[in-house]
Protein backbone atom coordinates (compact mmCIF):
# COMPACT_ATOMS: atom_id res chain seq x y z
CA UNK A 1 0.00 0.00 0.00
CA UNK A 2 1.32 3.41 -0.89
CA UNK A 3 2.20 5.99 1.75
CA UNK A 4 -0.52 8.47 0.77
CA UNK A 5 -3.20 5.77 0.91
CA UNK A 6 -2.08 4.82 4.42
CA UNK A 7 -2.16 8.46 5.48
CA UNK A 8 -5.60 8.96 3.94
CA UNK A 9 -6.97 5.86 5.65
CA UNK A 10 -5.53 6.90 9.01
CA UNK A 11 -6.90 10.42 8.53
CA UNK A 12 -10.41 9.08 7.94
CA UNK A 13 -10.14 6.90 11.05
CA UNK A 14 -8.86 9.89 13.07
CA UNK A 15 -11.68 12.09 11.83
CA UNK A 16 -14.30 9.53 12.87
CA UNK A 17 -12.77 8.91 16.29
CA UNK A 18 -12.23 12.61 17.05
CA UNK A 19 -15.70 13.52 15.79
CA UNK A 20 -17.35 10.94 18.06
CA UNK A 21 -15.20 12.08 21.00
CA UNK A 22 -16.12 15.75 20.51
CA UNK A 23 -19.79 14.88 19.97
CA UNK A 24 -19.81 12.77 23.16
CA UNK A 25 -18.11 15.46 25.27
CA UNK A 26 -20.18 18.32 23.78
CA UNK A 27 -17.72 21.09 24.73
CA UNK A 28 -19.20 24.38 25.84
CA UNK A 29 -17.43 27.75 25.53
CA UNK A 30 -16.19 27.61 29.12
CA UNK A 31 -13.88 24.71 28.23
CA UNK A 32 -12.47 26.31 25.10
CA UNK A 33 -9.13 26.70 26.88
CA UNK A 34 -8.89 22.89 26.86
CA UNK A 35 -7.87 23.10 23.22
CA UNK A 36 -4.43 24.12 24.49
CA UNK A 37 -4.18 20.72 26.19
CA UNK A 38 -6.10 18.49 23.79
CA UNK A 39 -4.19 19.29 20.60
CA UNK A 40 -0.72 18.58 22.09
CA UNK A 41 -2.05 15.35 23.62
CA UNK A 42 -3.10 14.19 20.16
CA UNK A 43 0.36 15.01 18.82
CA UNK A 44 2.09 13.22 21.70
CA UNK A 45 -0.07 10.10 21.32
CA UNK A 46 0.69 9.86 17.61
CA UNK A 47 4.40 10.44 18.15
CA UNK A 48 4.47 7.78 20.87
CA UNK A 49 2.84 5.32 18.48
CA UNK A 50 5.39 6.31 15.82
CA UNK A 51 8.24 5.68 18.26
CA UNK A 52 6.91 2.23 19.14
CA UNK A 53 6.42 1.40 15.47
CA UNK A 54 9.91 2.64 14.66
CA UNK A 55 11.32 -0.33 16.52
CA UNK A 56 8.80 -2.86 15.19
CA UNK A 57 7.54 -1.79 11.74
CA UNK A 58 9.49 1.18 10.42
CA UNK A 59 7.31 1.74 7.36
CA UNK A 60 4.37 2.69 9.61
CA UNK A 61 6.36 5.10 11.78
CA UNK A 62 6.49 7.70 8.98
CA UNK A 63 2.73 7.50 8.63
CA UNK A 64 2.16 8.27 12.31
CA UNK A 65 4.64 11.16 12.31
CA UNK A 66 2.74 12.76 9.43
CA UNK A 67 -0.55 11.83 11.07
CA UNK A 68 0.50 13.65 14.25
CA UNK A 69 0.21 16.96 12.42
CA UNK A 70 -2.89 16.03 10.43
CA UNK A 71 -4.79 14.76 13.45
CA UNK A 72 -3.87 17.84 15.48
CA UNK A 73 -5.38 20.05 12.79
CA UNK A 74 -8.48 17.87 12.66
CA UNK A 75 -8.80 17.99 16.46
CA UNK A 76 -8.48 21.78 16.48
CA UNK A 77 -11.22 22.35 13.91
CA UNK A 78 -13.59 19.68 15.22
CA UNK A 79 -13.22 20.94 18.80
CA UNK A 80 -14.05 24.49 17.69
CA UNK A 81 -16.94 23.14 15.63
CA UNK A 82 -18.17 21.27 18.72
CA UNK A 83 -18.17 24.50 20.71
CA UNK A 84 -20.11 26.27 17.96
CA UNK A 85 -22.59 23.39 17.78
CA UNK A 86 -23.06 23.54 21.55
CA UNK A 87 -23.81 27.29 21.40
CA UNK A 88 -26.29 26.85 18.55
CA UNK A 89 -28.18 24.09 20.37
CA UNK A 90 -28.48 25.98 23.65
PDB file of N, CA and C in Angstrom:
ATOM      1  N   UNK A   1       0.850  -1.174   0.000  1.00  0.00           N
ATOM      2  CA  UNK A   1       0.000   0.000   0.000  1.00  0.00           C
ATOM      3  C   UNK A   1       0.892   1.232   0.000  1.00  0.00           C
ATOM      4  N   UNK A   2       0.524   2.199  -0.784  1.00  0.00           N
ATOM      5  CA  UNK A   2       1.321   3.413  -0.885  1.00  0.00           C
ATOM      6  C   UNK A   2       1.167   4.276   0.359  1.00  0.00           C
ATOM      7  N   UNK A   3       2.153   5.142   0.562  1.00  0.00           N
ATOM      8  CA  UNK A   3       2.197   5.991   1.751  1.00  0.00           C
ATOM      9  C   UNK A   3       0.980   6.903   1.824  1.00  0.00           C
ATOM     10  N   UNK A   4       0.607   7.530   0.718  1.00  0.00           N
ATOM     11  CA  UNK A   4      -0.516   8.473   0.771  1.00  0.00           C
ATOM     12  C   UNK A   4      -1.845   7.768   1.031  1.00  0.00           C
ATOM     13  N   UNK A   5      -1.965   6.516   0.611  1.00  0.00           N
ATOM     14  CA  UNK A   5      -3.196   5.775   0.906  1.00  0.00           C
ATOM     15  C   UNK A   5      -3.261   5.435   2.390  1.00  0.00           C
ATOM     16  N   UNK A   6      -2.120   5.090   2.981  1.00  0.00           N
ATOM     17  CA  UNK A   6      -2.079   4.818   4.423  1.00  0.00           C
ATOM     18  C   UNK A   6      -2.431   6.075   5.215  1.00  0.00           C
ATOM     19  N   UNK A   7      -1.884   7.200   4.787  1.00  0.00           N
ATOM     20  CA  UNK A   7      -2.163   8.465   5.479  1.00  0.00           C
ATOM     21  C   UNK A   7      -3.636   8.832   5.337  1.00  0.00           C
ATOM     22  N   UNK A   8      -4.183   8.648   4.158  1.00  0.00           N
ATOM     23  CA  UNK A   8      -5.596   8.960   3.940  1.00  0.00           C
ATOM     24  C   UNK A   8      -6.497   8.066   4.784  1.00  0.00           C
ATOM     25  N   UNK A   9      -6.192   6.784   4.841  1.00  0.00           N
ATOM     26  CA  UNK A   9      -6.974   5.857   5.648  1.00  0.00           C
ATOM     27  C   UNK A   9      -6.896   6.213   7.130  1.00  0.00           C
ATOM     28  N   UNK A  10      -5.700   6.524   7.610  1.00  0.00           N
ATOM     29  CA  UNK A  10      -5.531   6.903   9.005  1.00  0.00           C
ATOM     30  C   UNK A  10      -6.211   8.235   9.311  1.00  0.00           C
ATOM     31  N   UNK A  11      -6.226   9.144   8.355  1.00  0.00           N
ATOM     32  CA  UNK A  11      -6.904  10.424   8.533  1.00  0.00           C
ATOM     33  C   UNK A  11      -8.415  10.233   8.661  1.00  0.00           C
ATOM     34  N   UNK A  12      -8.964   9.358   7.858  1.00  0.00           N
ATOM     35  CA  UNK A  12     -10.406   9.077   7.943  1.00  0.00           C
ATOM     36  C   UNK A  12     -10.741   8.455   9.292  1.00  0.00           C
ATOM     37  N   UNK A  13      -9.923   7.522   9.742  1.00  0.00           N
ATOM     38  CA  UNK A  13     -10.143   6.903  11.052  1.00  0.00           C
ATOM     39  C   UNK A  13     -10.034   7.948  12.156  1.00  0.00           C
ATOM     40  N   UNK A  14      -9.019   8.815  12.078  1.00  0.00           N
ATOM     41  CA  UNK A  14      -8.863   9.886  13.068  1.00  0.00           C
ATOM     42  C   UNK A  14     -10.062  10.813  13.084  1.00  0.00           C
ATOM     43  N   UNK A  15     -10.539  11.184  11.909  1.00  0.00           N
ATOM     44  CA  UNK A  15     -11.680  12.086  11.827  1.00  0.00           C
ATOM     45  C   UNK A  15     -12.891  11.475  12.523  1.00  0.00           C
ATOM     46  N   UNK A  16     -13.154  10.195  12.254  1.00  0.00           N
ATOM     47  CA  UNK A  16     -14.304   9.535  12.867  1.00  0.00           C
ATOM     48  C   UNK A  16     -14.160   9.448  14.379  1.00  0.00           C
ATOM     49  N   UNK A  17     -12.994   9.051  14.851  1.00  0.00           N
ATOM     50  CA  UNK A  17     -12.773   8.908  16.292  1.00  0.00           C
ATOM     51  C   UNK A  17     -12.869  10.266  16.993  1.00  0.00           C
ATOM     52  N   UNK A  18     -12.220  11.275  16.427  1.00  0.00           N
ATOM     53  CA  UNK A  18     -12.231  12.606  17.046  1.00  0.00           C
ATOM     54  C   UNK A  18     -13.641  13.192  17.007  1.00  0.00           C
ATOM     55  N   UNK A  19     -14.350  12.988  15.895  1.00  0.00           N
ATOM     56  CA  UNK A  19     -15.704  13.524  15.786  1.00  0.00           C
ATOM     57  C   UNK A  19     -16.620  12.915  16.844  1.00  0.00           C
ATOM     58  N   UNK A  20     -16.539  11.586  17.026  1.00  0.00           N
ATOM     59  CA  UNK A  20     -17.354  10.943  18.064  1.00  0.00           C
ATOM     60  C   UNK A  20     -16.956  11.418  19.457  1.00  0.00           C
ATOM     61  N   UNK A  21     -15.657  11.616  19.693  1.00  0.00           N
ATOM     62  CA  UNK A  21     -15.200  12.080  21.003  1.00  0.00           C
ATOM     63  C   UNK A  21     -15.722  13.486  21.296  1.00  0.00           C
ATOM     64  N   UNK A  22     -15.627  14.377  20.312  1.00  0.00           N
ATOM     65  CA  UNK A  22     -16.117  15.748  20.509  1.00  0.00           C
ATOM     66  C   UNK A  22     -17.627  15.754  20.659  1.00  0.00           C
ATOM     67  N   UNK A  23     -18.329  14.943  19.868  1.00  0.00           N
ATOM     68  CA  UNK A  23     -19.793  14.881  19.975  1.00  0.00           C
ATOM     69  C   UNK A  23     -20.214  14.345  21.342  1.00  0.00           C
ATOM     70  N   UNK A  24     -19.488  13.346  21.852  1.00  0.00           N
ATOM     71  CA  UNK A  24     -19.809  12.772  23.160  1.00  0.00           C
ATOM     72  C   UNK A  24     -19.553  13.768  24.286  1.00  0.00           C
ATOM     73  N   UNK A  25     -18.451  14.500  24.208  1.00  0.00           N
ATOM     74  CA  UNK A  25     -18.109  15.456  25.270  1.00  0.00           C
ATOM     75  C   UNK A  25     -18.920  16.741  25.187  1.00  0.00           C
ATOM     76  N   UNK A  26     -19.383  17.115  23.992  1.00  0.00           N
ATOM     77  CA  UNK A  26     -20.178  18.324  23.780  1.00  0.00           C
ATOM     78  C   UNK A  26     -19.574  19.526  24.507  1.00  0.00           C
ATOM     79  N   UNK A  27     -18.406  20.001  24.021  1.00  0.00           N
ATOM     80  CA  UNK A  27     -17.718  21.090  24.731  1.00  0.00           C
ATOM     81  C   UNK A  27     -18.495  22.400  24.679  1.00  0.00           C
ATOM     82  N   UNK A  28     -18.576  23.063  25.816  1.00  0.00           N
ATOM     83  CA  UNK A  28     -19.202  24.377  25.844  1.00  0.00           C
ATOM     84  C   UNK A  28     -18.096  25.438  25.839  1.00  0.00           C
ATOM     85  N   UNK A  29     -18.446  26.697  25.638  1.00  0.00           N
ATOM     86  CA  UNK A  29     -17.429  27.747  25.529  1.00  0.00           C
ATOM     87  C   UNK A  29     -16.542  27.896  26.764  1.00  0.00           C
ATOM     88  N   UNK A  30     -17.010  27.454  27.909  1.00  0.00           N
ATOM     89  CA  UNK A  30     -16.193  27.609  29.116  1.00  0.00           C
ATOM     90  C   UNK A  30     -14.984  26.674  29.111  1.00  0.00           C
ATOM     91  N   UNK A  31     -15.017  25.625  28.310  1.00  0.00           N
ATOM     92  CA  UNK A  31     -13.881  24.707  28.232  1.00  0.00           C
ATOM     93  C   UNK A  31     -13.061  24.912  26.966  1.00  0.00           C
ATOM     94  N   UNK A  32     -13.218  26.049  26.330  1.00  0.00           N
ATOM     95  CA  UNK A  32     -12.474  26.309  25.100  1.00  0.00           C
ATOM     96  C   UNK A  32     -10.969  26.384  25.340  1.00  0.00           C
ATOM     97  N   UNK A  33     -10.556  26.671  26.557  1.00  0.00           N
ATOM     98  CA  UNK A  33      -9.133  26.701  26.878  1.00  0.00           C
ATOM     99  C   UNK A  33      -8.530  25.298  26.829  1.00  0.00           C
ATOM    100  N   UNK A  34      -9.373  24.280  26.897  1.00  0.00           N
ATOM    101  CA  UNK A  34      -8.891  22.893  26.860  1.00  0.00           C
ATOM    102  C   UNK A  34      -8.238  22.551  25.535  1.00  0.00           C
ATOM    103  N   UNK A  35      -8.494  23.347  24.515  1.00  0.00           N
ATOM    104  CA  UNK A  35      -7.868  23.095  23.224  1.00  0.00           C
ATOM    105  C   UNK A  35      -6.347  23.199  23.319  1.00  0.00           C
ATOM    106  N   UNK A  36      -5.868  23.989  24.278  1.00  0.00           N
ATOM    107  CA  UNK A  36      -4.430  24.120  24.492  1.00  0.00           C
ATOM    108  C   UNK A  36      -3.848  22.797  25.003  1.00  0.00           C
ATOM    109  N   UNK A  37      -4.637  22.014  25.686  1.00  0.00           N
ATOM    110  CA  UNK A  37      -4.176  20.716  26.191  1.00  0.00           C
ATOM    111  C   UNK A  37      -4.495  19.564  25.239  1.00  0.00           C
ATOM    112  N   UNK A  38      -5.634  19.617  24.591  1.00  0.00           N
ATOM    113  CA  UNK A  38      -6.096  18.492  23.792  1.00  0.00           C
ATOM    114  C   UNK A  38      -5.263  18.314  22.523  1.00  0.00           C
ATOM    115  N   UNK A  39      -4.953  19.389  21.845  1.00  0.00           N
ATOM    116  CA  UNK A  39      -4.189  19.286  20.597  1.00  0.00           C
ATOM    117  C   UNK A  39      -2.784  18.730  20.847  1.00  0.00           C
ATOM    118  N   UNK A  40      -2.027  19.211  21.844  1.00  0.00           N
ATOM    119  CA  UNK A  40      -0.725  18.583  22.093  1.00  0.00           C
ATOM    120  C   UNK A  40      -0.815  17.123  22.538  1.00  0.00           C
ATOM    121  N   UNK A  41      -1.882  16.755  23.233  1.00  0.00           N
ATOM    122  CA  UNK A  41      -2.045  15.351  23.625  1.00  0.00           C
ATOM    123  C   UNK A  41      -2.199  14.468  22.393  1.00  0.00           C
ATOM    124  N   UNK A  42      -2.937  14.941  21.405  1.00  0.00           N
ATOM    125  CA  UNK A  42      -3.105  14.192  20.164  1.00  0.00           C
ATOM    126  C   UNK A  42      -1.753  14.031  19.463  1.00  0.00           C
ATOM    127  N   UNK A  43      -0.963  15.082  19.438  1.00  0.00           N
ATOM    128  CA  UNK A  43       0.360  15.006  18.816  1.00  0.00           C
ATOM    129  C   UNK A  43       1.247  14.019  19.575  1.00  0.00           C
ATOM    130  N   UNK A  44       1.244  14.092  20.888  1.00  0.00           N
ATOM    131  CA  UNK A  44       2.089  13.218  21.698  1.00  0.00           C
ATOM    132  C   UNK A  44       1.682  11.754  21.540  1.00  0.00           C
ATOM    133  N   UNK A  45       0.396  11.484  21.495  1.00  0.00           N
ATOM    134  CA  UNK A  45      -0.069  10.100  21.319  1.00  0.00           C
ATOM    135  C   UNK A  45       0.411   9.545  19.978  1.00  0.00           C
ATOM    136  N   UNK A  46       0.257  10.331  18.926  1.00  0.00           N
ATOM    137  CA  UNK A  46       0.691   9.860  17.611  1.00  0.00           C
ATOM    138  C   UNK A  46       2.208   9.691  17.537  1.00  0.00           C
ATOM    139  N   UNK A  47       2.951  10.583  18.162  1.00  0.00           N
ATOM    140  CA  UNK A  47       4.403  10.439  18.154  1.00  0.00           C
ATOM    141  C   UNK A  47       4.861   9.257  19.001  1.00  0.00           C
ATOM    142  N   UNK A  48       4.140   8.957  20.067  1.00  0.00           N
ATOM    143  CA  UNK A  48       4.467   7.776  20.873  1.00  0.00           C
ATOM    144  C   UNK A  48       4.212   6.499  20.073  1.00  0.00           C
ATOM    145  N   UNK A  49       3.120   6.469  19.339  1.00  0.00           N
ATOM    146  CA  UNK A  49       2.836   5.317  18.479  1.00  0.00           C
ATOM    147  C   UNK A  49       3.913   5.199  17.400  1.00  0.00           C
ATOM    148  N   UNK A  50       4.333   6.329  16.835  1.00  0.00           N
ATOM    149  CA  UNK A  50       5.389   6.311  15.821  1.00  0.00           C
ATOM    150  C   UNK A  50       6.700   5.789  16.398  1.00  0.00           C
ATOM    151  N   UNK A  51       6.999   6.146  17.625  1.00  0.00           N
ATOM    152  CA  UNK A  51       8.236   5.676  18.260  1.00  0.00           C
ATOM    153  C   UNK A  51       8.187   4.166  18.492  1.00  0.00           C
ATOM    154  N   UNK A  52       7.054   3.676  18.941  1.00  0.00           N
ATOM    155  CA  UNK A  52       6.909   2.231  19.143  1.00  0.00           C
ATOM    156  C   UNK A  52       7.020   1.498  17.804  1.00  0.00           C
ATOM    157  N   UNK A  53       6.371   2.035  16.783  1.00  0.00           N
ATOM    158  CA  UNK A  53       6.415   1.401  15.466  1.00  0.00           C
ATOM    159  C   UNK A  53       7.793   1.521  14.814  1.00  0.00           C
ATOM    160  N   UNK A  54       8.564   2.496  15.215  1.00  0.00           N
ATOM    161  CA  UNK A  54       9.908   2.644  14.662  1.00  0.00           C
ATOM    162  C   UNK A  54      10.766   1.418  14.976  1.00  0.00           C
ATOM    163  N   UNK A  55      10.545   0.841  16.131  1.00  0.00           N
ATOM    164  CA  UNK A  55      11.324  -0.332  16.521  1.00  0.00           C
ATOM    165  C   UNK A  55      10.712  -1.643  16.032  1.00  0.00           C
ATOM    166  N   UNK A  56       9.438  -1.628  15.643  1.00  0.00           N
ATOM    167  CA  UNK A  56       8.800  -2.862  15.193  1.00  0.00           C
ATOM    168  C   UNK A  56       8.562  -2.865  13.681  1.00  0.00           C
ATOM    169  N   UNK A  57       7.847  -1.873  13.183  1.00  0.00           N
ATOM    170  CA  UNK A  57       7.544  -1.786  11.744  1.00  0.00           C
ATOM    171  C   UNK A  57       7.851  -0.371  11.280  1.00  0.00           C
ATOM    172  N   UNK A  58       9.030  -0.177  10.771  1.00  0.00           N
ATOM    173  CA  UNK A  58       9.487   1.177  10.425  1.00  0.00           C
ATOM    174  C   UNK A  58       8.657   1.864   9.348  1.00  0.00           C
ATOM    175  N   UNK A  59       8.072   1.104   8.443  1.00  0.00           N
ATOM    176  CA  UNK A  59       7.310   1.741   7.365  1.00  0.00           C
ATOM    177  C   UNK A  59       6.069   2.463   7.890  1.00  0.00           C
ATOM    178  N   UNK A  60       5.544   2.027   9.038  1.00  0.00           N
ATOM    179  CA  UNK A  60       4.374   2.687   9.610  1.00  0.00           C
ATOM    180  C   UNK A  60       4.740   3.881  10.494  1.00  0.00           C
ATOM    181  N   UNK A  61       5.975   3.985  10.908  1.00  0.00           N
ATOM    182  CA  UNK A  61       6.357   5.098  11.782  1.00  0.00           C
ATOM    183  C   UNK A  61       6.268   6.432  11.049  1.00  0.00           C
ATOM    184  N   UNK A  62       6.618   6.459   9.761  1.00  0.00           N
ATOM    185  CA  UNK A  62       6.489   7.695   8.977  1.00  0.00           C
ATOM    186  C   UNK A  62       5.034   8.146   8.911  1.00  0.00           C
ATOM    187  N   UNK A  63       4.160   7.191   8.750  1.00  0.00           N
ATOM    188  CA  UNK A  63       2.732   7.502   8.628  1.00  0.00           C
ATOM    189  C   UNK A  63       2.230   8.179   9.897  1.00  0.00           C
ATOM    190  N   UNK A  64       2.648   7.689  11.056  1.00  0.00           N
ATOM    191  CA  UNK A  64       2.163   8.270  12.308  1.00  0.00           C
ATOM    192  C   UNK A  64       2.822   9.615  12.618  1.00  0.00           C
ATOM    193  N   UNK A  65       4.025   9.839  12.138  1.00  0.00           N
ATOM    194  CA  UNK A  65       4.639  11.160  12.312  1.00  0.00           C
ATOM    195  C   UNK A  65       3.867  12.194  11.498  1.00  0.00           C
ATOM    196  N   UNK A  66       3.536  11.843  10.260  1.00  0.00           N
ATOM    197  CA  UNK A  66       2.743  12.755   9.430  1.00  0.00           C
ATOM    198  C   UNK A  66       1.341  12.910  10.013  1.00  0.00           C
ATOM    199  N   UNK A  67       0.797  11.813  10.500  1.00  0.00           N
ATOM    200  CA  UNK A  67      -0.549  11.833  11.074  1.00  0.00           C
ATOM    201  C   UNK A  67      -0.615  12.671  12.348  1.00  0.00           C
ATOM    202  N   UNK A  68       0.500  12.821  13.039  1.00  0.00           N
ATOM    203  CA  UNK A  68       0.504  13.653  14.252  1.00  0.00           C
ATOM    204  C   UNK A  68       0.083  15.079  13.912  1.00  0.00           C
ATOM    205  N   UNK A  69       0.572  15.599  12.820  1.00  0.00           N
ATOM    206  CA  UNK A  69       0.206  16.962  12.419  1.00  0.00           C
ATOM    207  C   UNK A  69      -1.211  17.015  11.860  1.00  0.00           C
ATOM    208  N   UNK A  70      -1.551  16.046  11.044  1.00  0.00           N
ATOM    209  CA  UNK A  70      -2.887  16.031  10.431  1.00  0.00           C
ATOM    210  C   UNK A  70      -3.965  15.883  11.495  1.00  0.00           C
ATOM    211  N   UNK A  71      -3.773  14.972  12.424  1.00  0.00           N
ATOM    212  CA  UNK A  71      -4.793  14.755  13.449  1.00  0.00           C
ATOM    213  C   UNK A  71      -4.901  15.931  14.419  1.00  0.00           C
ATOM    214  N   UNK A  72      -3.797  16.645  14.637  1.00  0.00           N
ATOM    215  CA  UNK A  72      -3.867  17.840  15.482  1.00  0.00           C
ATOM    216  C   UNK A  72      -4.715  18.924  14.822  1.00  0.00           C
ATOM    217  N   UNK A  73      -4.564  19.072  13.528  1.00  0.00           N
ATOM    218  CA  UNK A  73      -5.377  20.048  12.794  1.00  0.00           C
ATOM    219  C   UNK A  73      -6.846  19.641  12.808  1.00  0.00           C
ATOM    220  N   UNK A  74      -7.096  18.360  12.612  1.00  0.00           N
ATOM    221  CA  UNK A  74      -8.479  17.870  12.662  1.00  0.00           C
ATOM    222  C   UNK A  74      -9.076  18.098  14.049  1.00  0.00           C
ATOM    223  N   UNK A  75      -8.320  17.797  15.089  1.00  0.00           N
ATOM    224  CA  UNK A  75      -8.803  17.989  16.464  1.00  0.00           C
ATOM    225  C   UNK A  75      -9.134  19.460  16.720  1.00  0.00           C
ATOM    226  N   UNK A  76      -8.267  20.350  16.276  1.00  0.00           N
ATOM    227  CA  UNK A  76      -8.480  21.777  16.479  1.00  0.00           C
ATOM    228  C   UNK A  76      -9.809  22.222  15.858  1.00  0.00           C
ATOM    229  N   UNK A  77     -10.012  21.889  14.588  1.00  0.00           N
ATOM    230  CA  UNK A  77     -11.217  22.347  13.909  1.00  0.00           C
ATOM    231  C   UNK A  77     -12.477  21.653  14.417  1.00  0.00           C
ATOM    232  N   UNK A  78     -12.400  20.365  14.711  1.00  0.00           N
ATOM    233  CA  UNK A  78     -13.593  19.681  15.215  1.00  0.00           C
ATOM    234  C   UNK A  78     -13.945  20.128  16.633  1.00  0.00           C
ATOM    235  N   UNK A  79     -12.947  20.447  17.448  1.00  0.00           N
ATOM    236  CA  UNK A  79     -13.218  20.939  18.796  1.00  0.00           C
ATOM    237  C   UNK A  79     -13.903  22.304  18.730  1.00  0.00           C
ATOM    238  N   UNK A  80     -13.401  23.184  17.865  1.00  0.00           N
ATOM    239  CA  UNK A  80     -14.051  24.490  17.691  1.00  0.00           C
ATOM    240  C   UNK A  80     -15.455  24.338  17.115  1.00  0.00           C
ATOM    241  N   UNK A  81     -15.619  23.408  16.189  1.00  0.00           N
ATOM    242  CA  UNK A  81     -16.942  23.139  15.632  1.00  0.00           C
ATOM    243  C   UNK A  81     -17.880  22.596  16.709  1.00  0.00           C
ATOM    244  N   UNK A  82     -17.362  21.783  17.618  1.00  0.00           N
ATOM    245  CA  UNK A  82     -18.173  21.267  18.718  1.00  0.00           C
ATOM    246  C   UNK A  82     -18.637  22.372  19.649  1.00  0.00           C
ATOM    247  N   UNK A  83     -17.785  23.352  19.885  1.00  0.00           N
ATOM    248  CA  UNK A  83     -18.166  24.502  20.715  1.00  0.00           C
ATOM    249  C   UNK A  83     -19.260  25.308  20.020  1.00  0.00           C
ATOM    250  N   UNK A  84     -19.089  25.535  18.714  1.00  0.00           N
ATOM    251  CA  UNK A  84     -20.108  26.273  17.956  1.00  0.00           C
ATOM    252  C   UNK A  84     -21.437  25.521  17.939  1.00  0.00           C
ATOM    253  N   UNK A  85     -21.368  24.203  17.773  1.00  0.00           N
ATOM    254  CA  UNK A  85     -22.586  23.392  17.776  1.00  0.00           C
ATOM    255  C   UNK A  85     -23.283  23.463  19.127  1.00  0.00           C
ATOM    256  N   UNK A  86     -22.495  23.448  20.207  1.00  0.00           N
ATOM    257  CA  UNK A  86     -23.064  23.538  21.553  1.00  0.00           C
ATOM    258  C   UNK A  86     -23.790  24.883  21.746  1.00  0.00           C
ATOM    259  N   UNK A  87     -23.181  25.966  21.253  1.00  0.00           N
ATOM    260  CA  UNK A  87     -23.813  27.287  21.398  1.00  0.00           C
ATOM    261  C   UNK A  87     -25.082  27.383  20.566  1.00  0.00           C
ATOM    262  N   UNK A  88     -25.102  26.778  19.394  1.00  0.00           N
ATOM    263  CA  UNK A  88     -26.293  26.845  18.547  1.00  0.00           C
ATOM    264  C   UNK A  88     -27.442  26.027  19.105  1.00  0.00           C
ATOM    265  N   UNK A  89     -27.135  24.936  19.805  1.00  0.00           N
ATOM    266  CA  UNK A  89     -28.181  24.094  20.369  1.00  0.00           C
ATOM    267  C   UNK A  89     -28.754  24.656  21.659  1.00  0.00           C
ATOM    268  N   UNK A  90     -28.022  25.459  22.367  1.00  0.00           N
ATOM    269  CA  UNK A  90     -28.475  25.978  23.651  1.00  0.00           C
ATOM    270  C   UNK A  90     -29.144  27.293  23.489  1.00  0.00           C
TER     271      UNK A  90
END
